[in-house]
Amino acid sequence: MPEYVIQFNDAAFTYDGKTNAFEGITLNVREGEFLCVLGGNGSGKSTFAKHVNALLAPDAGSVHVLGYDTADPANAYIIRSNAGMVFQNPDDQIVASVIENDVAFGPENLGVPTEELRQRVTAALKQVGLQGFETRETANLSGGQKQRVAVAGVLAMEPKILVFDEASAMLDPRGRAGLMRVCRELNDAGLTIIVITHFMEEAALADRIVVLDGGHIALEGTPEEVLTQFEVLERLSLEVPFAVTMSRALQERGVPVHTHVDAAELEEELAGLLHGGEAR
């Protein structure tokens, strides 16, 4: 296993041969990292995601996934087998009418033996919190449940990297929160996770954030380093996390709190201040 499971080296890509969707992208991702890629519409973040899965290859520079050059068509199979993608609309990924058949579809096509196939389906559904749902019809599931089935279908192929390309965009807040819990749990279990999103609360859960703007990296760092840059985020037309906005408002009113990117951490600090009698 190479030191970095994903390596972008001065990569650039254009759809029309004229305007770069992104350019000058140099970025390394370590095994087991939870990376979030933020950006507005047209920033290049979905193009970035498709390069991780070798659905696209750079026109300039290079992209390597697990040490394999994505520009070499001979590497496409092994890259796509190890870098799973979950897209925005789960209906685009669900291919069977019954959950267990859908989850089995990918590994079955890889030639996984029947007994191992059953084990993979059971394990994948357990990982996404859908154990016991094996015989349910996919058409009767909620949007959040369908997205979990899509995740399970990718997990059953046992990838080393899992990319969520705006996978929570069509979900309600409860569905988004559930999907992000799954992401965090999978990452805690050792899977490399990349989340492409414009939801700041999702970005706050990552180890590292990259903000794309006009196909370039505009910001990079930990959630605390990136999401507290109030003025820069506003200039990039990105919403500031609620916890950051609230922290700032409290500070302006004289409440001695730190600037938090996570609402739960802000609540904990406020509770401590109230218990100590310092907050007013």
C-alpha atoms as a PDB file:
ATOM      1  CA  MET A   1       0.000   0.000   0.000  1.00  0.00           C
ATOM      2  CA  PRO A   2       1.507   3.381  -1.005  1.00  0.00           C
ATOM      3  CA  GLU A   3       1.877   6.125   1.605  1.00  0.00           C
ATOM      4  CA  TYR A   4      -0.967   8.025  -0.049  1.00  0.00           C
ATOM      5  CA  VAL A   5      -4.018   6.195  -1.420  1.00  0.00           C
ATOM      6  CA  ILE A   6      -4.911   9.187  -3.626  1.00  0.00           C
ATOM      7  CA  GLN A   7      -2.426  11.553  -5.283  1.00  0.00           C
ATOM      8  CA  PHE A   8      -3.328  14.530  -7.485  1.00  0.00           C
ATOM      9  CA  ASN A   9      -0.209  16.090  -8.990  1.00  0.00           C
ATOM     10  CA  ASP A  10      -0.834  19.432 -10.738  1.00  0.00           C
ATOM     11  CA  ALA A  11      -3.920  17.863 -12.319  1.00  0.00           C
ATOM     12  CA  ALA A  12      -6.158  19.692 -14.784  1.00  0.00           C
ATOM     13  CA  PHE A  13      -9.253  18.685 -16.716  1.00  0.00           C
ATOM     14  CA  THR A  14     -11.504  20.256 -19.318  1.00  0.00           C
ATOM     15  CA  TYR A  15     -14.823  19.040 -20.700  1.00  0.00           C
ATOM     16  CA  ASP A  16     -14.841  21.225 -23.797  1.00  0.00           C
ATOM     17  CA  GLY A  17     -11.151  21.512 -24.603  1.00  0.00           C
ATOM     18  CA  LYS A  18     -11.170  25.215 -23.719  1.00  0.00           C
ATOM     19  CA  THR A  19     -12.152  25.931 -20.124  1.00  0.00           C
ATOM     20  CA  ASN A  20     -10.653  23.927 -17.286  1.00  0.00           C
ATOM     21  CA  ALA A  21     -13.159  22.395 -14.856  1.00  0.00           C
ATOM     22  CA  PHE A  22     -10.209  22.332 -12.499  1.00  0.00           C
ATOM     23  CA  GLU A  23      -6.488  22.988 -12.823  1.00  0.00           C
ATOM     24  CA  GLY A  24      -3.351  22.964 -10.740  1.00  0.00           C
ATOM     25  CA  ILE A  25      -4.840  20.494  -8.247  1.00  0.00           C
ATOM     26  CA  THR A  26      -2.133  18.980  -6.056  1.00  0.00           C
ATOM     27  CA  LEU A  27      -3.495  16.962  -3.177  1.00  0.00           C
ATOM     28  CA  ASN A  28      -2.571  13.780  -1.289  1.00  0.00           C
ATOM     29  CA  VAL A  29      -4.975  11.649   0.760  1.00  0.00           C
ATOM     30  CA  ARG A  30      -3.730   9.181   3.369  1.00  0.00           C
ATOM     31  CA  GLU A  31      -5.217   5.758   4.024  1.00  0.00           C
ATOM     32  CA  GLY A  32      -8.017   6.009   6.600  1.00  0.00           C
ATOM     33  CA  GLU A  33      -8.467   9.772   6.199  1.00  0.00           C
ATOM     34  CA  PHE A  34     -11.877  11.470   6.198  1.00  0.00           C
ATOM     35  CA  LEU A  35     -11.662  14.253   3.618  1.00  0.00           C
ATOM     36  CA  CYS A  36     -14.438  16.683   2.775  1.00  0.00           C
ATOM     37  CA  VAL A  37     -14.429  18.643  -0.492  1.00  0.00           C
ATOM     38  CA  LEU A  38     -16.539  21.803  -0.366  1.00  0.00           C
ATOM     39  CA  GLY A  39     -17.495  24.229  -3.081  1.00  0.00           C
ATOM     40  CA  GLY A  40     -20.347  25.954  -4.824  1.00  0.00           C
ATOM     41  CA  ASN A  41     -21.891  24.955  -8.137  1.00  0.00           C
ATOM     42  CA  GLY A  42     -19.263  24.832 -10.867  1.00  0.00           C
ATOM     43  CA  SER A  43     -16.373  24.776  -8.407  1.00  0.00           C
ATOM     44  CA  GLY A  44     -15.057  21.456  -9.763  1.00  0.00           C
ATOM     45  CA  LYS A  45     -15.878  19.229  -6.810  1.00  0.00           C
ATOM     46  CA  SER A  46     -17.890  16.577  -8.708  1.00  0.00           C
ATOM     47  CA  THR A  47     -15.221  16.525 -11.411  1.00  0.00           C
ATOM     48  CA  PHE A  48     -12.701  15.889  -8.634  1.00  0.00           C
ATOM     49  CA  ALA A  49     -14.807  12.972  -7.350  1.00  0.00           C
ATOM     50  CA  LYS A  50     -14.973  11.329 -10.775  1.00  0.00           C
ATOM     51  CA  HIS A  51     -11.183  11.441 -11.045  1.00  0.00           C
ATOM     52  CA  VAL A  52     -10.858   9.402  -7.823  1.00  0.00           C
ATOM     53  CA  ASN A  53     -12.949   6.642  -9.409  1.00  0.00           C
ATOM     54  CA  ALA A  54     -11.197   6.894 -12.817  1.00  0.00           C
ATOM     55  CA  LEU A  55     -14.488   7.850 -14.458  1.00  0.00           C
ATOM     56  CA  LEU A  56     -12.440  10.785 -15.734  1.00  0.00           C
ATOM     57  CA  ALA A  57      -8.694  11.123 -16.322  1.00  0.00           C
ATOM     58  CA  PRO A  58      -6.762  14.404 -16.218  1.00  0.00           C
ATOM     59  CA  ASP A  59      -5.780  16.220 -19.399  1.00  0.00           C
ATOM     60  CA  ALA A  60      -2.636  17.496 -17.684  1.00  0.00           C
ATOM     61  CA  GLY A  61      -0.724  16.438 -14.600  1.00  0.00           C
ATOM     62  CA  SER A  62      -1.553  13.077 -13.051  1.00  0.00           C
ATOM     63  CA  VAL A  63      -3.890  11.281 -10.644  1.00  0.00           C
ATOM     64  CA  HIS A  64      -2.891   8.054  -8.914  1.00  0.00           C
ATOM     65  CA  VAL A  65      -5.271   5.915  -6.846  1.00  0.00           C
ATOM     66  CA  LEU A  66      -3.703   3.159  -4.726  1.00  0.00           C
ATOM     67  CA  GLY A  67      -0.572   3.717  -6.793  1.00  0.00           C
ATOM     68  CA  TYR A  68      -2.341   3.173 -10.142  1.00  0.00           C
ATOM     69  CA  ASP A  69      -2.302   5.877 -12.817  1.00  0.00           C
ATOM     70  CA  THR A  70      -5.928   6.720 -13.663  1.00  0.00           C
ATOM     71  CA  ALA A  71      -4.915   7.747 -17.204  1.00  0.00           C
ATOM     72  CA  ASP A  72      -4.058   4.140 -18.077  1.00  0.00           C
ATOM     73  CA  PRO A  73      -7.256   2.342 -19.200  1.00  0.00           C
ATOM     74  CA  ALA A  74      -5.744  -0.954 -18.041  1.00  0.00           C
ATOM     75  CA  ASN A  75      -6.000   0.308 -14.434  1.00  0.00           C
ATOM     76  CA  ALA A  76      -9.679   1.276 -14.590  1.00  0.00           C
ATOM     77  CA  TYR A  77     -11.039  -2.047 -13.303  1.00  0.00           C
ATOM     78  CA  ILE A  78      -8.847  -2.303 -10.225  1.00  0.00           C
ATOM     79  CA  ILE A  79      -9.321   1.384  -9.376  1.00  0.00           C
ATOM     80  CA  ARG A  80     -13.123   1.208  -9.668  1.00  0.00           C
ATOM     81  CA  SER A  81     -13.176  -2.020  -7.665  1.00  0.00           C
ATOM     82  CA  ASN A  82     -11.381  -0.285  -4.810  1.00  0.00           C
ATOM     83  CA  ALA A  83     -12.759   3.266  -5.017  1.00  0.00           C
ATOM     84  CA  GLY A  84     -16.522   3.006  -4.617  1.00  0.00           C
ATOM     85  CA  MET A  85     -18.864   5.870  -5.505  1.00  0.00           C
ATOM     86  CA  VAL A  86     -22.198   6.840  -3.974  1.00  0.00           C
ATOM     87  CA  PHE A  87     -24.053   9.397  -6.082  1.00  0.00           C
ATOM     88  CA  GLN A  88     -26.665  12.045  -5.380  1.00  0.00           C
ATOM     89  CA  ASN A  89     -29.712  10.058  -6.463  1.00  0.00           C
ATOM     90  CA  PRO A  90     -29.853   6.505  -5.041  1.00  0.00           C
ATOM     91  CA  ASP A  91     -32.346   5.486  -7.737  1.00  0.00           C
ATOM     92  CA  ASP A  92     -29.463   5.802 -10.217  1.00  0.00           C
ATOM     93  CA  GLN A  93     -27.594   3.039  -8.348  1.00  0.00           C
ATOM     94  CA  ILE A  94     -30.355   0.683  -7.207  1.00  0.00           C
ATOM     95  CA  VAL A  95     -30.802  -2.070  -9.791  1.00  0.00           C
ATOM     96  CA  ALA A  96     -32.940  -4.713  -8.039  1.00  0.00           C
ATOM     97  CA  SER A  97     -36.426  -4.698  -6.528  1.00  0.00           C
ATOM     98  CA  VAL A  98     -35.351  -6.488  -3.312  1.00  0.00           C
ATOM     99  CA  ILE A  99     -32.651  -5.128  -1.006  1.00  0.00           C
ATOM    100  CA  GLU A 100     -30.510  -8.261  -0.637  1.00  0.00           C
ATOM    101  CA  ASN A 101     -30.444  -8.756  -4.412  1.00  0.00           C
ATOM    102  CA  ASP A 102     -29.405  -5.169  -4.960  1.00  0.00           C
ATOM    103  CA  VAL A 103     -26.576  -5.313  -2.431  1.00  0.00           C
ATOM    104  CA  ALA A 104     -25.384  -8.610  -3.939  1.00  0.00           C
ATOM    105  CA  PHE A 105     -25.331  -7.266  -7.507  1.00  0.00           C
ATOM    106  CA  GLY A 106     -21.834  -5.749  -7.478  1.00  0.00           C
ATOM    107  CA  PRO A 107     -19.860  -8.532  -5.772  1.00  0.00           C
ATOM    108  CA  GLU A 108     -21.812 -11.170  -7.713  1.00  0.00           C
ATOM    109  CA  ASN A 109     -20.596  -9.602 -10.930  1.00  0.00           C
ATOM    110  CA  LEU A 110     -17.061  -9.728  -9.529  1.00  0.00           C
ATOM    111  CA  GLY A 111     -17.450 -13.503  -9.254  1.00  0.00           C
ATOM    112  CA  VAL A 112     -17.654 -13.707  -5.463  1.00  0.00           C
ATOM    113  CA  PRO A 113     -18.670 -17.275  -4.402  1.00  0.00           C
ATOM    114  CA  THR A 114     -22.255 -17.750  -3.133  1.00  0.00           C
ATOM    115  CA  GLU A 115     -21.397 -18.390   0.529  1.00  0.00           C
ATOM    116  CA  GLU A 116     -19.063 -15.401   0.717  1.00  0.00           C
ATOM    117  CA  LEU A 117     -21.646 -13.335  -1.162  1.00  0.00           C
ATOM    118  CA  ARG A 118     -24.240 -13.975   1.569  1.00  0.00           C
ATOM    119  CA  GLN A 119     -21.722 -12.987   4.234  1.00  0.00           C
ATOM    120  CA  ARG A 120     -20.844  -9.771   2.421  1.00  0.00           C
ATOM    121  CA  VAL A 121     -24.506  -8.787   2.005  1.00  0.00           C
ATOM    122  CA  THR A 122     -25.232  -9.417   5.686  1.00  0.00           C
ATOM    123  CA  ALA A 123     -22.129  -7.508   6.808  1.00  0.00           C
ATOM    124  CA  ALA A 124     -22.781  -4.551   4.488  1.00  0.00           C
ATOM    125  CA  LEU A 125     -26.395  -4.157   5.612  1.00  0.00           C
ATOM    126  CA  LYS A 126     -25.286  -4.304   9.242  1.00  0.00           C
ATOM    127  CA  GLN A 127     -22.709  -1.576   8.598  1.00  0.00           C
ATOM    128  CA  VAL A 128     -25.402   0.803   7.322  1.00  0.00           C
ATOM    129  CA  GLY A 129     -27.969  -0.124   9.989  1.00  0.00           C
ATOM    130  CA  LEU A 130     -30.304  -2.117   7.717  1.00  0.00           C
ATOM    131  CA  GLN A 131     -29.904  -5.610   9.123  1.00  0.00           C
ATOM    132  CA  GLY A 132     -33.254  -7.404   8.953  1.00  0.00           C
ATOM    133  CA  PHE A 133     -34.250  -5.455   5.833  1.00  0.00           C
ATOM    134  CA  GLU A 134     -32.949  -8.072   3.398  1.00  0.00           C
ATOM    135  CA  THR A 135     -36.314  -8.980   1.836  1.00  0.00           C
ATOM    136  CA  ARG A 136     -37.798  -5.479   1.784  1.00  0.00           C
ATOM    137  CA  GLU A 137     -38.672  -3.990  -1.593  1.00  0.00           C
ATOM    138  CA  THR A 138     -36.432  -1.096  -2.550  1.00  0.00           C
ATOM    139  CA  ALA A 139     -39.354   0.841  -4.042  1.00  0.00           C
ATOM    140  CA  ASN A 140     -40.982   1.150  -0.601  1.00  0.00           C
ATOM    141  CA  LEU A 141     -37.983   2.682   1.156  1.00  0.00           C
ATOM    142  CA  SER A 142     -37.502   6.298   2.214  1.00  0.00           C
ATOM    143  CA  GLY A 143     -34.863   8.396   0.478  1.00  0.00           C
ATOM    144  CA  GLY A 144     -32.466   7.940   3.376  1.00  0.00           C
ATOM    145  CA  GLN A 145     -32.974   4.180   3.416  1.00  0.00           C
ATOM    146  CA  LYS A 146     -32.425   3.980  -0.347  1.00  0.00           C
ATOM    147  CA  GLN A 147     -29.167   5.871   0.032  1.00  0.00           C
ATOM    148  CA  ARG A 148     -28.062   3.408   2.719  1.00  0.00           C
ATOM    149  CA  VAL A 149     -28.847   0.534   0.372  1.00  0.00           C
ATOM    150  CA  ALA A 150     -26.679   2.229  -2.266  1.00  0.00           C
ATOM    151  CA  VAL A 151     -23.867   2.507   0.287  1.00  0.00           C
ATOM    152  CA  ALA A 152     -24.298  -1.149   1.277  1.00  0.00           C
ATOM    153  CA  GLY A 153     -24.058  -2.181  -2.381  1.00  0.00           C
ATOM    154  CA  VAL A 154     -20.691  -0.454  -2.641  1.00  0.00           C
ATOM    155  CA  LEU A 155     -19.470  -1.795   0.721  1.00  0.00           C
ATOM    156  CA  ALA A 156     -20.261  -5.364  -0.351  1.00  0.00           C
ATOM    157  CA  MET A 157     -17.556  -4.960  -2.992  1.00  0.00           C
ATOM    158  CA  GLU A 158     -15.102  -4.295  -0.137  1.00  0.00           C
ATOM    159  CA  PRO A 159     -13.516  -1.082  -1.461  1.00  0.00           C
ATOM    160  CA  LYS A 160     -10.597   0.667   0.222  1.00  0.00           C
ATOM    161  CA  ILE A 161     -11.971   4.138  -0.604  1.00  0.00           C
ATOM    162  CA  LEU A 162     -15.556   5.369  -0.533  1.00  0.00           C
ATOM    163  CA  VAL A 163     -16.541   8.606  -2.282  1.00  0.00           C
ATOM    164  CA  PHE A 164     -19.872  10.316  -1.562  1.00  0.00           C
ATOM    165  CA  ASP A 165     -20.610  12.698  -4.437  1.00  0.00           C
ATOM    166  CA  GLU A 166     -23.326  15.028  -3.072  1.00  0.00           C
ATOM    167  CA  ALA A 167     -24.932  11.856  -1.697  1.00  0.00           C
ATOM    168  CA  SER A 168     -26.974  13.736   0.916  1.00  0.00           C
ATOM    169  CA  ALA A 169     -28.242  16.485  -1.396  1.00  0.00           C
ATOM    170  CA  MET A 170     -31.691  14.902  -1.923  1.00  0.00           C
ATOM    171  CA  LEU A 171     -32.195  13.894   1.725  1.00  0.00           C
ATOM    172  CA  ASP A 172     -34.031  15.700   4.498  1.00  0.00           C
ATOM    173  CA  PRO A 173     -32.044  16.793   7.603  1.00  0.00           C
ATOM    174  CA  ARG A 174     -32.754  13.506   9.395  1.00  0.00           C
ATOM    175  CA  GLY A 175     -31.630  11.479   6.381  1.00  0.00           C
ATOM    176  CA  ARG A 176     -28.471  13.594   6.022  1.00  0.00           C
ATOM    177  CA  ALA A 177     -27.617  13.130   9.687  1.00  0.00           C
ATOM    178  CA  GLY A 178     -28.114   9.367   9.399  1.00  0.00           C
ATOM    179  CA  LEU A 179     -25.922   9.126   6.319  1.00  0.00           C
ATOM    180  CA  MET A 180     -23.165  11.129   7.995  1.00  0.00           C
ATOM    181  CA  ARG A 181     -23.274   8.833  11.024  1.00  0.00           C
ATOM    182  CA  VAL A 182     -22.669   5.944   8.640  1.00  0.00           C
ATOM    183  CA  CYS A 183     -19.733   7.832   7.071  1.00  0.00           C
ATOM    184  CA  ARG A 184     -18.169   8.502  10.461  1.00  0.00           C
ATOM    185  CA  GLU A 185     -18.603   4.885  11.582  1.00  0.00           C
ATOM    186  CA  LEU A 186     -17.097   3.524   8.358  1.00  0.00           C
ATOM    187  CA  ASN A 187     -14.154   5.872   8.720  1.00  0.00           C
ATOM    188  CA  ASP A 188     -13.678   4.865  12.347  1.00  0.00           C
ATOM    189  CA  ALA A 189     -13.489   1.273  11.077  1.00  0.00           C
ATOM    190  CA  GLY A 190     -10.577   2.257   8.809  1.00  0.00           C
ATOM    191  CA  LEU A 191     -12.181   3.079   5.456  1.00  0.00           C
ATOM    192  CA  THR A 192     -10.878   6.124   3.574  1.00  0.00           C
ATOM    193  CA  ILE A 193     -13.855   8.476   3.120  1.00  0.00           C
ATOM    194  CA  ILE A 194     -14.245  11.412   0.739  1.00  0.00           C
ATOM    195  CA  VAL A 195     -17.414  13.467   1.028  1.00  0.00           C
ATOM    196  CA  ILE A 196     -18.275  15.980  -1.697  1.00  0.00           C
ATOM    197  CA  THR A 197     -20.833  18.399  -0.302  1.00  0.00           C
ATOM    198  CA  HIS A 198     -21.982  21.962   0.220  1.00  0.00           C
ATOM    199  CA  PHE A 199     -23.414  21.288   3.695  1.00  0.00           C
ATOM    200  CA  MET A 200     -21.120  22.810   6.310  1.00  0.00           C
ATOM    201  CA  GLU A 201     -22.355  20.604   9.144  1.00  0.00           C
ATOM    202  CA  GLU A 202     -21.146  17.577   7.181  1.00  0.00           C
ATOM    203  CA  ALA A 203     -17.764  19.182   6.595  1.00  0.00           C
ATOM    204  CA  ALA A 204     -17.344  19.728  10.336  1.00  0.00           C
ATOM    205  CA  LEU A 205     -17.121  15.947  10.825  1.00  0.00           C
ATOM    206  CA  ALA A 206     -14.108  15.499   8.526  1.00  0.00           C
ATOM    207  CA  ASP A 207     -10.424  15.250   9.409  1.00  0.00           C
ATOM    208  CA  ARG A 208      -9.536  17.708   6.666  1.00  0.00           C
ATOM    209  CA  ILE A 209     -11.413  20.055   4.346  1.00  0.00           C
ATOM    210  CA  VAL A 210     -10.537  21.231   0.855  1.00  0.00           C
ATOM    211  CA  VAL A 211     -12.539  24.144  -0.556  1.00  0.00           C
ATOM    212  CA  LEU A 212     -12.648  24.429  -4.346  1.00  0.00           C
ATOM    213  CA  ASP A 213     -13.466  27.647  -6.143  1.00  0.00           C
ATOM    214  CA  GLY A 214     -13.362  28.018  -9.917  1.00  0.00           C
ATOM    215  CA  GLY A 215     -11.471  24.745 -10.230  1.00  0.00           C
ATOM    216  CA  HIS A 216      -8.709  25.767  -7.812  1.00  0.00           C
ATOM    217  CA  ILE A 217      -8.024  24.947  -4.174  1.00  0.00           C
ATOM    218  CA  ALA A 218      -9.061  28.067  -2.276  1.00  0.00           C
ATOM    219  CA  LEU A 219      -8.720  26.733   1.283  1.00  0.00           C
ATOM    220  CA  GLU A 220      -7.322  23.619   2.901  1.00  0.00           C
ATOM    221  CA  GLY A 221      -6.993  22.540   6.519  1.00  0.00           C
ATOM    222  CA  THR A 222      -8.792  21.093   9.520  1.00  0.00           C
ATOM    223  CA  PRO A 223     -12.458  21.991  10.096  1.00  0.00           C
ATOM    224  CA  GLU A 224     -11.350  24.466  12.765  1.00  0.00           C
ATOM    225  CA  GLU A 225      -8.870  26.095  10.386  1.00  0.00           C
ATOM    226  CA  VAL A 226     -11.257  26.324   7.421  1.00  0.00           C
ATOM    227  CA  LEU A 227     -14.783  26.743   8.744  1.00  0.00           C
ATOM    228  CA  THR A 228     -13.902  29.616  11.068  1.00  0.00           C
ATOM    229  CA  GLN A 229     -12.712  31.789   8.156  1.00  0.00           C
ATOM    230  CA  PHE A 230     -15.953  33.735   8.174  1.00  0.00           C
ATOM    231  CA  GLU A 231     -15.070  36.410   5.620  1.00  0.00           C
ATOM    232  CA  VAL A 232     -13.425  34.037   3.113  1.00  0.00           C
ATOM    233  CA  LEU A 233     -16.344  31.605   3.167  1.00  0.00           C
ATOM    234  CA  GLU A 234     -18.821  34.430   2.612  1.00  0.00           C
ATOM    235  CA  ARG A 235     -16.742  35.682  -0.319  1.00  0.00           C
ATOM    236  CA  LEU A 236     -16.911  32.184  -1.807  1.00  0.00           C
ATOM    237  CA  SER A 237     -20.722  32.204  -1.342  1.00  0.00           C
ATOM    238  CA  LEU A 238     -20.552  29.352   1.153  1.00  0.00           C
ATOM    239  CA  GLU A 239     -22.690  29.316   4.258  1.00  0.00           C
ATOM    240  CA  VAL A 240     -20.910  29.570   7.578  1.00  0.00           C
ATOM    241  CA  PRO A 241     -21.719  26.713   9.989  1.00  0.00           C
ATOM    242  CA  PHE A 242     -24.414  27.524  12.535  1.00  0.00           C
ATOM    243  CA  ALA A 243     -22.036  26.849  15.433  1.00  0.00           C
ATOM    244  CA  VAL A 244     -19.510  29.369  14.081  1.00  0.00           C
ATOM    245  CA  THR A 245     -22.187  32.042  13.582  1.00  0.00           C
ATOM    246  CA  MET A 246     -23.584  31.428  17.056  1.00  0.00           C
ATOM    247  CA  SER A 247     -20.119  31.465  18.630  1.00  0.00           C
ATOM    248  CA  ARG A 248     -19.414  34.848  17.024  1.00  0.00           C
ATOM    249  CA  ALA A 249     -22.764  36.255  18.171  1.00  0.00           C
ATOM    250  CA  LEU A 250     -22.143  35.146  21.744  1.00  0.00           C
ATOM    251  CA  GLN A 251     -18.618  36.584  21.720  1.00  0.00           C
ATOM    252  CA  GLU A 252     -19.963  39.942  20.540  1.00  0.00           C
ATOM    253  CA  ARG A 253     -22.293  39.926  23.535  1.00  0.00           C
ATOM    254  CA  GLY A 254     -19.469  39.274  25.933  1.00  0.00           C
ATOM    255  CA  VAL A 255     -19.933  35.541  26.474  1.00  0.00           C
ATOM    256  CA  PRO A 256     -16.433  33.999  26.806  1.00  0.00           C
ATOM    257  CA  VAL A 257     -16.808  31.068  24.416  1.00  0.00           C
ATOM    258  CA  HIS A 258     -14.387  29.704  21.834  1.00  0.00           C
ATOM    259  CA  THR A 259     -15.289  29.658  18.145  1.00  0.00           C
ATOM    260  CA  HIS A 260     -16.741  26.201  17.494  1.00  0.00           C
ATOM    261  CA  VAL A 261     -17.524  24.411  14.233  1.00  0.00           C
ATOM    262  CA  ASP A 262     -19.535  21.707  16.003  1.00  0.00           C
ATOM    263  CA  ALA A 263     -22.832  22.662  17.671  1.00  0.00           C
ATOM    264  CA  ALA A 264     -22.550  19.911  20.282  1.00  0.00           C
ATOM    265  CA  GLU A 265     -19.172  21.249  21.427  1.00  0.00           C
ATOM    266  CA  LEU A 266     -20.580  24.768  21.680  1.00  0.00           C
ATOM    267  CA  GLU A 267     -23.491  23.468  23.761  1.00  0.00           C
ATOM    268  CA  GLU A 268     -21.056  21.654  26.041  1.00  0.00           C
ATOM    269  CA  GLU A 269     -18.990  24.790  26.625  1.00  0.00           C
ATOM    270  CA  LEU A 270     -22.113  26.865  27.298  1.00  0.00           C
ATOM    271  CA  ALA A 271     -23.337  24.252  29.753  1.00  0.00           C
ATOM    272  CA  GLY A 272     -19.994  24.444  31.556  1.00  0.00           C
ATOM    273  CA  LEU A 273     -20.178  28.250  31.715  1.00  0.00           C
ATOM    274  CA  LEU A 274     -23.728  28.147  33.060  1.00  0.00           C
ATOM    275  CA  HIS A 275     -22.757  25.534  35.641  1.00  0.00           C
ATOM    276  CA  GLY A 276     -19.829  27.717  36.695  1.00  0.00           C
ATOM    277  CA  GLY A 277     -22.033  30.795  36.814  1.00  0.00           C
ATOM    278  CA  GLU A 278     -19.922  32.730  34.324  1.00  0.00           C
ATOM    279  CA  ALA A 279     -22.414  33.087  31.461  1.00  0.00           C
ATOM    280  CA  ARG A 280     -24.908  35.931  31.480  1.00  0.00           C
END
